[in-house]
Amino acid sequence: MGESLNRMRTSDSQAGIKERIARFWTAYFLNTGRPVTITASDVSPMMRLMKEARLCETPDHYDSHVDLVGYTLTGAEVNGVQG
């Protein structure tokens, strides 16, 4: 599990990565005619929901559980949660 978490937590600035994803998702929605603004703080919860949906199909998929933890930790980092 350590390697997977390290992969997700490499501080290639998680906030910067989440900002970029938010801009891509916002652009996607705007280009489909749906004016939605997504922020960096929205990215981790949305990614966790995607993983939860995947786990409904494959509840024994270890990497999805690890990813779920990683998205939670990076979400905390983006939102400035102190541990």
N, C-alpha and C. Protein backbone atom coordinates (compact mmCIF):
# COMPACT_ATOMS: atom_id res chain seq x y z
N MET A 1 0.82 -1.19 0.00
CA MET A 1 0.00 0.00 0.00
C MET A 1 0.87 1.25 0.00
N GLY A 2 2.02 1.21 0.57
CA GLY A 2 2.89 2.37 0.65
C GLY A 2 3.20 2.98 -0.70
N GLU A 3 3.50 2.15 -1.69
CA GLU A 3 3.83 2.65 -3.03
C GLU A 3 2.66 3.38 -3.66
N SER A 4 1.47 2.84 -3.52
CA SER A 4 0.29 3.48 -4.11
C SER A 4 0.02 4.83 -3.47
N LEU A 5 0.13 4.90 -2.15
CA LEU A 5 -0.09 6.18 -1.48
C LEU A 5 0.99 7.18 -1.82
N ASN A 6 2.23 6.71 -1.92
CA ASN A 6 3.31 7.61 -2.33
C ASN A 6 3.06 8.18 -3.71
N ARG A 7 2.56 7.35 -4.62
CA ARG A 7 2.26 7.79 -5.98
C ARG A 7 1.24 8.93 -5.95
N MET A 8 0.23 8.82 -5.10
CA MET A 8 -0.82 9.82 -5.05
C MET A 8 -0.39 11.07 -4.28
N ARG A 9 0.55 10.93 -3.37
CA ARG A 9 0.88 12.04 -2.50
C ARG A 9 2.12 12.79 -2.94
N THR A 10 2.80 12.34 -4.00
CA THR A 10 3.97 13.06 -4.45
C THR A 10 3.57 14.51 -4.65
N SER A 11 4.17 15.36 -3.87
CA SER A 11 3.76 16.75 -3.91
C SER A 11 4.26 17.44 -5.15
N ASP A 12 3.78 16.95 -6.28
CA ASP A 12 3.90 17.67 -7.54
C ASP A 12 2.76 18.67 -7.43
N SER A 13 2.63 19.21 -6.21
CA SER A 13 1.58 20.13 -5.79
C SER A 13 0.20 19.56 -6.07
N GLN A 14 -0.32 18.85 -5.11
CA GLN A 14 -1.66 18.29 -5.23
C GLN A 14 -2.67 19.39 -5.49
N ALA A 15 -2.47 20.55 -4.86
CA ALA A 15 -3.40 21.67 -5.11
C ALA A 15 -3.34 22.08 -6.57
N GLY A 16 -2.14 22.15 -7.14
CA GLY A 16 -1.99 22.52 -8.55
C GLY A 16 -2.62 21.51 -9.48
N ILE A 17 -2.44 20.24 -9.18
CA ILE A 17 -3.04 19.18 -9.99
C ILE A 17 -4.55 19.26 -9.91
N LYS A 18 -5.08 19.44 -8.69
CA LYS A 18 -6.53 19.51 -8.53
C LYS A 18 -7.10 20.75 -9.23
N GLU A 19 -6.38 21.86 -9.19
CA GLU A 19 -6.81 23.07 -9.91
C GLU A 19 -6.90 22.79 -11.41
N ARG A 20 -5.90 22.11 -11.95
CA ARG A 20 -5.88 21.80 -13.38
C ARG A 20 -7.06 20.89 -13.74
N ILE A 21 -7.28 19.85 -12.94
CA ILE A 21 -8.41 18.96 -13.20
C ILE A 21 -9.72 19.74 -13.14
N ALA A 22 -9.86 20.62 -12.16
CA ALA A 22 -11.08 21.42 -12.03
C ALA A 22 -11.29 22.28 -13.27
N ARG A 23 -10.22 22.88 -13.79
CA ARG A 23 -10.35 23.69 -15.01
C ARG A 23 -10.77 22.82 -16.19
N PHE A 24 -10.19 21.63 -16.32
CA PHE A 24 -10.56 20.73 -17.42
C PHE A 24 -12.03 20.33 -17.31
N TRP A 25 -12.46 19.96 -16.10
CA TRP A 25 -13.85 19.54 -15.92
C TRP A 25 -14.80 20.70 -16.18
N THR A 26 -14.45 21.90 -15.70
CA THR A 26 -15.29 23.08 -15.95
C THR A 26 -15.39 23.34 -17.44
N ALA A 27 -14.26 23.28 -18.14
CA ALA A 27 -14.27 23.49 -19.60
C ALA A 27 -15.14 22.45 -20.29
N TYR A 28 -15.06 21.22 -19.84
CA TYR A 28 -15.88 20.17 -20.42
C TYR A 28 -17.36 20.52 -20.29
N PHE A 29 -17.79 20.88 -19.09
CA PHE A 29 -19.20 21.20 -18.88
C PHE A 29 -19.62 22.44 -19.66
N LEU A 30 -18.77 23.45 -19.71
CA LEU A 30 -19.09 24.65 -20.48
C LEU A 30 -19.24 24.33 -21.96
N ASN A 31 -18.40 23.45 -22.46
CA ASN A 31 -18.46 23.08 -23.88
C ASN A 31 -19.63 22.17 -24.21
N THR A 32 -20.29 21.63 -23.20
CA THR A 32 -21.49 20.84 -23.45
C THR A 32 -22.74 21.66 -23.18
N GLY A 33 -22.55 22.96 -22.95
CA GLY A 33 -23.68 23.85 -22.73
C GLY A 33 -24.22 23.85 -21.32
N ARG A 34 -23.46 23.26 -20.38
CA ARG A 34 -23.90 23.22 -18.98
C ARG A 34 -22.95 24.06 -18.15
N PRO A 35 -23.35 25.27 -17.79
CA PRO A 35 -22.45 26.16 -17.05
C PRO A 35 -22.25 25.72 -15.60
N VAL A 36 -21.21 24.97 -15.38
CA VAL A 36 -20.87 24.47 -14.06
C VAL A 36 -19.45 24.91 -13.76
N THR A 37 -19.23 25.40 -12.54
CA THR A 37 -17.88 25.75 -12.13
C THR A 37 -17.43 24.76 -11.07
N ILE A 38 -16.33 24.10 -11.34
CA ILE A 38 -15.76 23.11 -10.42
C ILE A 38 -14.47 23.67 -9.87
N THR A 39 -14.27 23.52 -8.58
CA THR A 39 -13.05 24.02 -7.94
C THR A 39 -12.14 22.86 -7.56
N ALA A 40 -10.92 23.19 -7.17
CA ALA A 40 -9.97 22.17 -6.73
C ALA A 40 -10.53 21.39 -5.55
N SER A 41 -11.30 22.04 -4.69
CA SER A 41 -11.89 21.37 -3.54
C SER A 41 -12.94 20.34 -3.94
N ASP A 42 -13.50 20.47 -5.14
CA ASP A 42 -14.51 19.53 -5.63
C ASP A 42 -13.89 18.24 -6.18
N VAL A 43 -12.65 18.30 -6.61
CA VAL A 43 -12.05 17.19 -7.35
C VAL A 43 -11.94 15.93 -6.49
N SER A 44 -11.40 16.02 -5.30
CA SER A 44 -11.23 14.82 -4.47
C SER A 44 -12.55 14.14 -4.16
N PRO A 45 -13.60 14.88 -3.73
CA PRO A 45 -14.88 14.20 -3.48
C PRO A 45 -15.43 13.53 -4.75
N MET A 46 -15.28 14.18 -5.89
CA MET A 46 -15.79 13.59 -7.13
C MET A 46 -15.02 12.33 -7.51
N MET A 47 -13.71 12.36 -7.30
CA MET A 47 -12.91 11.17 -7.59
C MET A 47 -13.25 10.04 -6.61
N ARG A 48 -13.52 10.40 -5.35
CA ARG A 48 -13.92 9.36 -4.39
C ARG A 48 -15.25 8.73 -4.80
N LEU A 49 -16.17 9.56 -5.29
CA LEU A 49 -17.46 9.01 -5.75
C LEU A 49 -17.27 8.06 -6.93
N MET A 50 -16.33 8.41 -7.83
CA MET A 50 -16.05 7.52 -8.95
C MET A 50 -15.52 6.18 -8.44
N LYS A 51 -14.61 6.23 -7.47
CA LYS A 51 -14.06 5.00 -6.90
C LYS A 51 -15.13 4.20 -6.19
N GLU A 52 -16.03 4.88 -5.46
CA GLU A 52 -17.12 4.18 -4.78
C GLU A 52 -18.00 3.46 -5.80
N ALA A 53 -18.29 4.14 -6.91
CA ALA A 53 -19.10 3.51 -7.96
C ALA A 53 -18.40 2.28 -8.51
N ARG A 54 -17.10 2.37 -8.71
CA ARG A 54 -16.33 1.24 -9.21
C ARG A 54 -16.34 0.10 -8.20
N LEU A 55 -16.23 0.44 -6.91
CA LEU A 55 -16.22 -0.60 -5.87
C LEU A 55 -17.56 -1.31 -5.77
N CYS A 56 -18.64 -0.67 -6.20
CA CYS A 56 -19.94 -1.35 -6.22
C CYS A 56 -19.91 -2.53 -7.19
N GLU A 57 -19.13 -2.39 -8.25
CA GLU A 57 -19.00 -3.46 -9.25
C GLU A 57 -17.93 -4.48 -8.87
N THR A 58 -16.82 -3.99 -8.31
CA THR A 58 -15.71 -4.88 -7.97
C THR A 58 -15.24 -4.57 -6.54
N PRO A 59 -16.01 -4.99 -5.53
CA PRO A 59 -15.68 -4.64 -4.15
C PRO A 59 -14.37 -5.25 -3.64
N ASP A 60 -13.84 -6.22 -4.37
CA ASP A 60 -12.59 -6.86 -3.94
C ASP A 60 -11.36 -6.28 -4.65
N HIS A 61 -11.53 -5.18 -5.37
CA HIS A 61 -10.41 -4.58 -6.11
C HIS A 61 -9.57 -3.72 -5.16
N TYR A 62 -8.44 -4.25 -4.75
CA TYR A 62 -7.59 -3.62 -3.74
C TYR A 62 -7.17 -2.21 -4.12
N ASP A 63 -6.72 -2.01 -5.35
CA ASP A 63 -6.23 -0.69 -5.77
C ASP A 63 -7.30 0.39 -5.66
N SER A 64 -8.55 0.04 -5.88
CA SER A 64 -9.62 1.04 -5.75
C SER A 64 -9.75 1.50 -4.30
N HIS A 65 -9.57 0.57 -3.36
CA HIS A 65 -9.61 0.94 -1.94
C HIS A 65 -8.43 1.86 -1.60
N VAL A 66 -7.27 1.53 -2.11
CA VAL A 66 -6.08 2.35 -1.88
C VAL A 66 -6.27 3.73 -2.50
N ASP A 67 -6.79 3.77 -3.72
CA ASP A 67 -7.04 5.05 -4.38
C ASP A 67 -8.02 5.90 -3.59
N LEU A 68 -9.04 5.27 -3.03
CA LEU A 68 -10.04 5.97 -2.23
C LEU A 68 -9.38 6.68 -1.05
N VAL A 69 -8.47 5.99 -0.38
CA VAL A 69 -7.73 6.59 0.74
C VAL A 69 -6.86 7.73 0.22
N GLY A 70 -6.20 7.50 -0.90
CA GLY A 70 -5.33 8.54 -1.46
C GLY A 70 -6.09 9.80 -1.83
N TYR A 71 -7.25 9.65 -2.45
CA TYR A 71 -8.06 10.83 -2.80
C TYR A 71 -8.53 11.56 -1.55
N THR A 72 -8.81 10.82 -0.50
CA THR A 72 -9.21 11.46 0.76
C THR A 72 -8.06 12.27 1.32
N LEU A 73 -6.85 11.70 1.33
CA LEU A 73 -5.69 12.40 1.86
C LEU A 73 -5.32 13.63 1.03
N THR A 74 -5.36 13.49 -0.29
CA THR A 74 -5.03 14.66 -1.12
C THR A 74 -6.12 15.73 -1.01
N GLY A 75 -7.35 15.32 -0.79
CA GLY A 75 -8.42 16.29 -0.55
C GLY A 75 -8.17 17.09 0.71
N ALA A 76 -7.72 16.39 1.75
CA ALA A 76 -7.38 17.08 3.00
C ALA A 76 -6.25 18.07 2.76
N GLU A 77 -5.27 17.66 1.99
CA GLU A 77 -4.14 18.54 1.69
C GLU A 77 -4.58 19.78 0.91
N VAL A 78 -5.38 19.59 -0.10
CA VAL A 78 -5.86 20.71 -0.92
C VAL A 78 -6.67 21.69 -0.07
N ASN A 79 -7.42 21.16 0.90
CA ASN A 79 -8.26 22.01 1.74
C ASN A 79 -7.57 22.51 3.00
N GLY A 80 -6.26 22.24 3.10
CA GLY A 80 -5.48 22.77 4.22
C GLY A 80 -5.76 22.13 5.57
N VAL A 81 -6.21 20.89 5.56
CA VAL A 81 -6.48 20.20 6.82
C VAL A 81 -5.15 19.82 7.46
N GLN A 82 -5.02 20.17 8.73
CA GLN A 82 -3.79 19.86 9.47
C GLN A 82 -4.01 18.59 10.29
N GLY A 83 -2.99 17.71 10.27
CA GLY A 83 -3.13 16.44 10.98
C GLY A 83 -2.38 16.36 12.25
